[in-house]
Each structure stands twice: as C-alpha cells, then as structure tokens.
C-alpha atoms as a PDB file:
ATOM      1  CA  ALA A   1      86.422 -40.817 108.067  1.00  0.00           C
ATOM      2  CA  ALA A   2      88.753 -43.563 109.218  1.00  0.00           C
ATOM      3  CA  ALA A   3      90.021 -46.076 106.640  1.00  0.00           C
ATOM      4  CA  LEU A   4      88.512 -49.310 107.903  1.00  0.00           C
ATOM      5  CA  PRO A   5      88.276 -52.929 106.797  1.00  0.00           C
ATOM      6  CA  GLY A   6      84.989 -54.137 105.375  1.00  0.00           C
ATOM      7  CA  SER A   7      82.872 -52.606 102.643  1.00  0.00           C
ATOM      8  CA  SER A   8      80.315 -49.829 102.818  1.00  0.00           C
ATOM      9  CA  GLY A   9      76.852 -51.083 103.749  1.00  0.00           C
ATOM     10  CA  ARG A  10      78.372 -54.070 105.573  1.00  0.00           C
ATOM     11  CA  ARG A  11      80.156 -52.541 108.588  1.00  0.00           C
ATOM     12  CA  VAL A  12      78.770 -53.231 112.044  1.00  0.00           C
ATOM     13  CA  VAL A  13      80.503 -51.451 114.919  1.00  0.00           C
ATOM     14  CA  CYS A  14      80.566 -52.240 118.628  1.00  0.00           C
ATOM     15  CA  VAL A  15      82.100 -49.585 120.860  1.00  0.00           C
ATOM     16  CA  ALA A  16      82.632 -51.373 124.169  1.00  0.00           C
ATOM     17  CA  ASN A  17      85.659 -52.282 126.244  1.00  0.00           C
ATOM     18  CA  LEU A  18      86.506 -55.975 126.093  1.00  0.00           C
ATOM     19  CA  ARG A  19      85.049 -57.120 129.376  1.00  0.00           C
ATOM     20  CA  ALA A  20      82.590 -59.875 130.259  1.00  0.00           C
ATOM     21  CA  GLN A  21      79.683 -57.513 131.005  1.00  0.00           C
ATOM     22  CA  LYS A  22      79.710 -56.366 127.360  1.00  0.00           C
ATOM     23  CA  ASP A  23      79.191 -59.976 126.142  1.00  0.00           C
ATOM     24  CA  HIS A  24      81.052 -59.767 122.834  1.00  0.00           C
ATOM     25  CA  VAL A  25      80.801 -63.566 122.640  1.00  0.00           C
ATOM     26  CA  THR A  26      77.026 -63.475 122.062  1.00  0.00           C
ATOM     27  CA  LEU A  27      77.677 -60.852 119.384  1.00  0.00           C
ATOM     28  CA  LEU A  28      80.239 -63.134 117.717  1.00  0.00           C
ATOM     29  CA  ARG A  29      77.813 -66.057 117.805  1.00  0.00           C
ATOM     30  CA  ALA A  30      75.181 -63.835 116.208  1.00  0.00           C
ATOM     31  CA  LEU A  31      77.713 -62.692 113.605  1.00  0.00           C
ATOM     32  CA  ALA A  32      78.463 -66.297 112.640  1.00  0.00           C
ATOM     33  CA  ARG A  33      74.733 -66.638 111.822  1.00  0.00           C
ATOM     34  CA  VAL A  34      74.679 -63.302 109.972  1.00  0.00           C
ATOM     35  CA  LYS A  35      77.695 -64.386 107.903  1.00  0.00           C
ATOM     36  CA  SER A  36      75.715 -67.331 106.491  1.00  0.00           C
ATOM     37  CA  VAL A  37      73.267 -64.800 104.979  1.00  0.00           C
ATOM     38  CA  VAL A  38      75.577 -61.807 104.443  1.00  0.00           C
ATOM     39  CA  PRO A  39      79.041 -63.322 103.833  1.00  0.00           C
ATOM     40  CA  ASP A  40      80.845 -59.956 103.596  1.00  0.00           C
ATOM     41  CA  VAL A  41      79.551 -58.559 106.909  1.00  0.00           C
ATOM     42  CA  HIS A  42      82.374 -56.963 108.920  1.00  0.00           C
ATOM     43  CA  LEU A  43      82.354 -56.324 112.667  1.00  0.00           C
ATOM     44  CA  LEU A  44      84.571 -53.614 114.115  1.00  0.00           C
ATOM     45  CA  LEU A  45      85.288 -53.943 117.827  1.00  0.00           C
ATOM     46  CA  ALA A  46      86.474 -50.645 119.304  1.00  0.00           C
ATOM     47  CA  GLY A  47      87.483 -50.601 122.958  1.00  0.00           C
ATOM     48  CA  ASP A  48      90.203 -51.324 125.458  1.00  0.00           C
ATOM     49  CA  SER A  49      91.055 -54.797 126.761  1.00  0.00           C
ATOM     50  CA  THR A  50      90.327 -54.086 130.426  1.00  0.00           C
ATOM     51  CA  GLU A  51      90.006 -57.799 131.284  1.00  0.00           C
ATOM     52  CA  PRO A  52      92.942 -59.626 129.588  1.00  0.00           C
ATOM     53  CA  HIS A  53      91.517 -63.153 130.095  1.00  0.00           C
ATOM     54  CA  TYR A  54      88.179 -62.125 128.597  1.00  0.00           C
ATOM     55  CA  ALA A  55      89.886 -60.343 125.684  1.00  0.00           C
ATOM     56  CA  GLN A  56      91.836 -63.536 124.958  1.00  0.00           C
ATOM     57  CA  TYR A  57      88.591 -65.553 125.153  1.00  0.00           C
ATOM     58  CA  VAL A  58      86.987 -63.193 122.610  1.00  0.00           C
ATOM     59  CA  ARG A  59      89.961 -63.613 120.250  1.00  0.00           C
ATOM     60  CA  THR A  60      89.755 -67.402 120.640  1.00  0.00           C
ATOM     61  CA  GLN A  61      86.029 -67.336 119.816  1.00  0.00           C
ATOM     62  CA  ILE A  62      86.721 -65.320 116.654  1.00  0.00           C
ATOM     63  CA  GLY A  63      88.953 -68.177 115.503  1.00  0.00           C
ATOM     64  CA  LEU A  64      86.622 -70.974 116.618  1.00  0.00           C
ATOM     65  CA  LEU A  65      83.662 -69.367 114.830  1.00  0.00           C
ATOM     66  CA  SER A  66      85.735 -68.885 111.625  1.00  0.00           C
ATOM     67  CA  LEU A  67      85.266 -65.114 111.782  1.00  0.00           C
ATOM     68  CA  ALA A  68      88.877 -63.972 111.338  1.00  0.00           C
ATOM     69  CA  GLU A  69      87.986 -62.414 107.958  1.00  0.00           C
ATOM     70  CA  ASN A  70      84.842 -60.753 109.364  1.00  0.00           C
ATOM     71  CA  VAL A  71      86.032 -59.185 112.622  1.00  0.00           C
ATOM     72  CA  THR A  72      88.635 -56.526 113.348  1.00  0.00           C
ATOM     73  CA  CYS A  73      89.651 -55.675 116.911  1.00  0.00           C
ATOM     74  CA  LEU A  74      90.536 -51.988 116.689  1.00  0.00           C
ATOM     75  CA  GLY A  75      91.559 -51.640 120.341  1.00  0.00           C
ATOM     76  CA  PRO A  76      91.182 -48.332 122.189  1.00  0.00           C
ATOM     77  CA  ARG A  77      90.687 -45.510 119.685  1.00  0.00           C
ATOM     78  CA  GLU A  78      90.712 -41.738 119.868  1.00  0.00           C
ATOM     79  CA  ASP A  79      88.834 -41.434 116.545  1.00  0.00           C
ATOM     80  CA  VAL A  80      85.571 -43.168 117.493  1.00  0.00           C
ATOM     81  CA  GLY A  81      83.563 -40.451 115.748  1.00  0.00           C
ATOM     82  CA  SER A  82      85.162 -41.139 112.377  1.00  0.00           C
ATOM     83  CA  ILE A  83      84.868 -44.905 112.913  1.00  0.00           C
ATOM     84  CA  LEU A  84      81.128 -44.463 113.488  1.00  0.00           C
ATOM     85  CA  GLU A  85      80.857 -42.258 110.384  1.00  0.00           C
ATOM     86  CA  ALA A  86      82.383 -45.067 108.309  1.00  0.00           C
ATOM     87  CA  SER A  87      80.104 -47.711 109.864  1.00  0.00           C
ATOM     88  CA  ASP A  88      76.564 -48.737 108.941  1.00  0.00           C
ATOM     89  CA  ILE A  89      75.080 -50.243 112.109  1.00  0.00           C
ATOM     90  CA  GLY A  90      75.857 -49.813 115.797  1.00  0.00           C
ATOM     91  CA  VAL A  91      75.477 -52.781 118.124  1.00  0.00           C
ATOM     92  CA  LEU A  92      75.654 -53.330 121.879  1.00  0.00           C
ATOM     93  CA  SER A  93      75.293 -56.870 123.243  1.00  0.00           C
ATOM     94  CA  SER A  94      75.803 -56.204 126.962  1.00  0.00           C
ATOM     95  CA  VAL A  95      74.371 -58.473 129.648  1.00  0.00           C
ATOM     96  CA  SER A  96      74.145 -55.469 131.967  1.00  0.00           C
ATOM     97  CA  GLU A  97      74.408 -51.770 131.323  1.00  0.00           C
ATOM     98  CA  GLY A  98      73.807 -48.486 133.088  1.00  0.00           C
ATOM     99  CA  MET A  99      73.370 -45.478 130.838  1.00  0.00           C
ATOM    100  CA  PRO A 100      74.820 -46.841 127.581  1.00  0.00           C
ATOM    101  CA  LEU A 101      77.004 -43.995 126.331  1.00  0.00           C
ATOM    102  CA  ALA A 102      77.888 -46.002 123.207  1.00  0.00           C
ATOM    103  CA  LEU A 103      74.226 -45.789 122.127  1.00  0.00           C
ATOM    104  CA  LEU A 104      74.280 -42.004 122.493  1.00  0.00           C
ATOM    105  CA  GLU A 105      77.412 -41.941 120.317  1.00  0.00           C
ATOM    106  CA  TYR A 106      75.722 -44.183 117.723  1.00  0.00           C
ATOM    107  CA  ALA A 107      72.727 -41.833 117.685  1.00  0.00           C
ATOM    108  CA  ARG A 108      74.913 -38.766 117.212  1.00  0.00           C
ATOM    109  CA  ALA A 109      76.433 -40.519 114.171  1.00  0.00           C
ATOM    110  CA  GLY A 110      72.933 -41.355 112.859  1.00  0.00           C
ATOM    111  CA  LEU A 111      73.528 -45.109 113.011  1.00  0.00           C
ATOM    112  CA  PRO A 112      70.656 -47.593 113.235  1.00  0.00           C
ATOM    113  CA  VAL A 113      71.105 -49.758 116.315  1.00  0.00           C
ATOM    114  CA  VAL A 114      70.638 -53.242 117.701  1.00  0.00           C
ATOM    115  CA  ALA A 115      71.021 -53.448 121.484  1.00  0.00           C
ATOM    116  CA  THR A 116      70.182 -55.838 124.275  1.00  0.00           C
ATOM    117  CA  ASP A 117      67.254 -54.888 126.467  1.00  0.00           C
ATOM    118  CA  VAL A 118      69.277 -54.235 129.623  1.00  0.00           C
ATOM    119  CA  GLY A 119      69.834 -51.215 131.844  1.00  0.00           C
ATOM    120  CA  GLN A 120      68.651 -48.056 130.130  1.00  0.00           C
ATOM    121  CA  CYS A 121      69.035 -49.365 126.561  1.00  0.00           C
ATOM    122  CA  GLY A 122      65.263 -49.740 126.222  1.00  0.00           C
ATOM    123  CA  GLU A 123      64.769 -46.179 127.407  1.00  0.00           C
ATOM    124  CA  VAL A 124      67.358 -44.775 124.989  1.00  0.00           C
ATOM    125  CA  LEU A 125      65.772 -46.760 122.124  1.00  0.00           C
ATOM    126  CA  ASP A 126      62.263 -45.588 123.084  1.00  0.00           C
ATOM    127  CA  ALA A 127      61.168 -49.149 123.984  1.00  0.00           C
ATOM    128  CA  GLY A 128      62.362 -50.406 120.600  1.00  0.00           C
ATOM    129  CA  ARG A 129      60.605 -47.750 118.511  1.00  0.00           C
ATOM    130  CA  VAL A 130      63.869 -46.194 117.260  1.00  0.00           C
ATOM    131  CA  GLY A 131      66.090 -49.289 117.187  1.00  0.00           C
ATOM    132  CA  PHE A 132      66.057 -53.048 117.636  1.00  0.00           C
ATOM    133  CA  LEU A 133      65.934 -54.304 121.230  1.00  0.00           C
ATOM    134  CA  VAL A 134      66.806 -57.965 121.708  1.00  0.00           C
ATOM    135  CA  PRO A 135      67.002 -60.205 124.789  1.00  0.00           C
ATOM    136  CA  ARG A 136      70.449 -60.453 126.358  1.00  0.00           C
ATOM    137  CA  ALA A 137      72.669 -63.503 125.707  1.00  0.00           C
ATOM    138  CA  SER A 138      70.485 -64.481 122.705  1.00  0.00           C
ATOM    139  CA  PRO A 139      72.432 -64.782 119.439  1.00  0.00           C
ATOM    140  CA  GLU A 140      69.409 -65.653 117.234  1.00  0.00           C
ATOM    141  CA  PRO A 141      67.313 -62.474 117.676  1.00  0.00           C
ATOM    142  CA  LEU A 142      70.488 -60.384 117.552  1.00  0.00           C
ATOM    143  CA  ALA A 143      71.454 -62.016 114.245  1.00  0.00           C
ATOM    144  CA  GLU A 144      67.919 -61.570 112.826  1.00  0.00           C
ATOM    145  CA  ALA A 145      67.931 -57.845 113.622  1.00  0.00           C
ATOM    146  CA  LEU A 146      71.374 -57.383 112.076  1.00  0.00           C
ATOM    147  CA  VAL A 147      70.339 -59.254 108.911  1.00  0.00           C
ATOM    148  CA  ARG A 148      67.209 -57.084 108.608  1.00  0.00           C
ATOM    149  CA  LEU A 149      69.311 -53.920 108.806  1.00  0.00           C
ATOM    150  CA  LEU A 150      72.079 -55.225 106.530  1.00  0.00           C
ATOM    151  CA  SER A 151      69.461 -56.243 103.948  1.00  0.00           C
ATOM    152  CA  SER A 152      67.770 -52.839 103.790  1.00  0.00           C
ATOM    153  CA  PRO A 153      69.551 -49.518 103.231  1.00  0.00           C
ATOM    154  CA  GLU A 154      66.102 -47.864 103.534  1.00  0.00           C
ATOM    155  CA  LEU A 155      65.478 -49.380 106.970  1.00  0.00           C
ATOM    156  CA  ARG A 156      68.991 -48.360 108.068  1.00  0.00           C
ATOM    157  CA  ALA A 157      68.448 -44.769 106.919  1.00  0.00           C
ATOM    158  CA  HIS A 158      64.977 -44.538 108.482  1.00  0.00           C
ATOM    159  CA  GLN A 159      66.000 -46.023 111.841  1.00  0.00           C
ATOM    160  CA  GLY A 160      69.255 -44.083 111.990  1.00  0.00           C
ATOM    161  CA  ALA A 161      67.423 -40.786 111.465  1.00  0.00           C
ATOM    162  CA  ALA A 162      64.627 -41.656 113.923  1.00  0.00           C
ATOM    163  CA  PHE A 163      67.164 -42.679 116.566  1.00  0.00           C
ATOM    164  CA  ARG A 164      69.286 -39.551 116.054  1.00  0.00           C
ATOM    165  CA  ASP A 165      66.204 -37.308 116.395  1.00  0.00           C
ATOM    166  CA  TYR A 166      64.893 -39.137 119.479  1.00  0.00           C
ATOM    167  CA  VAL A 167      68.231 -38.923 121.270  1.00  0.00           C
ATOM    168  CA  ALA A 168      68.705 -35.258 120.302  1.00  0.00           C
ATOM    169  CA  GLN A 169      65.321 -34.483 121.905  1.00  0.00           C
ATOM    170  CA  HIS A 170      65.744 -36.585 125.059  1.00  0.00           C
ATOM    171  CA  TYR A 171      69.486 -36.911 125.641  1.00  0.00           C
ATOM    172  CA  SER A 172      71.084 -33.583 124.813  1.00  0.00           C
ATOM    173  CA  PRO A 173      74.093 -32.895 127.060  1.00  0.00           C
ATOM    174  CA  GLU A 174      71.825 -30.795 129.284  1.00  0.00           C
ATOM    175  CA  ALA A 175      69.141 -33.482 129.538  1.00  0.00           C
ATOM    176  CA  ALA A 176      71.766 -36.180 130.132  1.00  0.00           C
ATOM    177  CA  LEU A 177      73.442 -34.134 132.850  1.00  0.00           C
ATOM    178  CA  GLN A 178      70.126 -33.709 134.636  1.00  0.00           C
ATOM    179  CA  GLN A 179      69.560 -37.473 134.481  1.00  0.00           C
ATOM    180  CA  VAL A 180      73.015 -38.241 135.840  1.00  0.00           C
ATOM    181  CA  MET A 181      72.495 -35.761 138.673  1.00  0.00           C
ATOM    182  CA  GLN A 182      69.141 -37.397 139.463  1.00  0.00           C
ATOM    183  CA  ILE A 183      70.779 -40.846 139.547  1.00  0.00           C
ATOM    184  CA  TYR A 184      73.449 -39.572 141.957  1.00  0.00           C
ATOM    185  CA  ARG A 185      70.822 -37.919 144.156  1.00  0.00           C
ATOM    186  CA  THR A 186      68.887 -41.214 144.299  1.00  0.00           C
ATOM    187  CA  MET A 187      72.038 -43.139 145.180  1.00  0.00           C
ATOM    188  CA  LEU A 188      72.993 -40.667 147.905  1.00  0.00           C
ATOM    189  CA  ASP A 189      69.562 -40.572 149.562  1.00  0.00           C
END
C-alpha cells in the first residue's frame, strides 16, 4: 500500500478531479466539523486539477478552515488502488454526478462510504442501505456520517463489506457495461 499521511483508522479519501461539480469545498467544511470531534482525521484528495481557479479556491479554503495539517492534495495518481487500501473511508461530495466510478472503486477496496444523493450515487449505495447518503452541499450531515464511521471500526467493517458485496453483485464489469450501453441507447433514441 502507498505510504500516506495520517494514521490508520483516520484516513478519509476522496477520488475526484478538482472541479466545481465535485464540491470539495462542502467536504472541507464538513471536515472542519469532524476535526472538532476527531482531531487527527486526515483527508486525502486524489485527482487532477482540471479547473485551475477552482483548485486554487480549494487550496485557499484548506487554509481558511485551518485544515493544512488534516488535508493532503495528492494530485493525479496512478496508484489509486493502493491509496484506497491504505484508507479507511471513501467520500464523494459532488453536487452532480453520473455513474460515480469513484464509488465503484471504493467498493472494490471494501471501503465504507459517505456520498451525496446525486446522480446514480443512491442507486450504487442501494438507497443508503450499504453506505451513507447525504444531501448535496450540506456540510452538517456529511460531517455527522463521517464522525459515525470514524468512531466505529465495527461500523466501518460492516458497511465496507456490505457495500463491496452489493457492488460485486450489481456492478460487475459485465453489469456495468450493460448499463452504460443502455444509457447510450437511451441518449441516441
């Protein structure tokens, strides 16, 4: 696994390019709340800076929210699998989303998840039965879900396993390919 900042049991990972749609700022605001309860929480942001102004805004917010010690921007990475292996919770705070591939990656790694209820996130998380679904652009519920997971290794293990099994059943490469083909057919009709 990748050598990463933060300590085991406290690493939250977000695999999402730095662009406005992914709403890292709500995640940072949630993290500031989490930090008051779990001071050693560490957020790993993995993804490319595809919107330079937004990426700069995210970095500014990290400073303004006093999170410099709690957040690491990893940039684009080829070793996402090992980053996920070394992480404890996967998070996605998007304001809009299609098929959230990051969630499928989190599931493959057996990570428990907190995601916003946008696009197909609810579907992938079985309407919140195999992960926490929170309203978009809402730091408080996002923070509460993260604190619940950070506070309970048992809950993390249970949800991570349930999520991995659900995704393996419903989103195998074959099942996912069929869904993508169906989406394209719908768009082309």
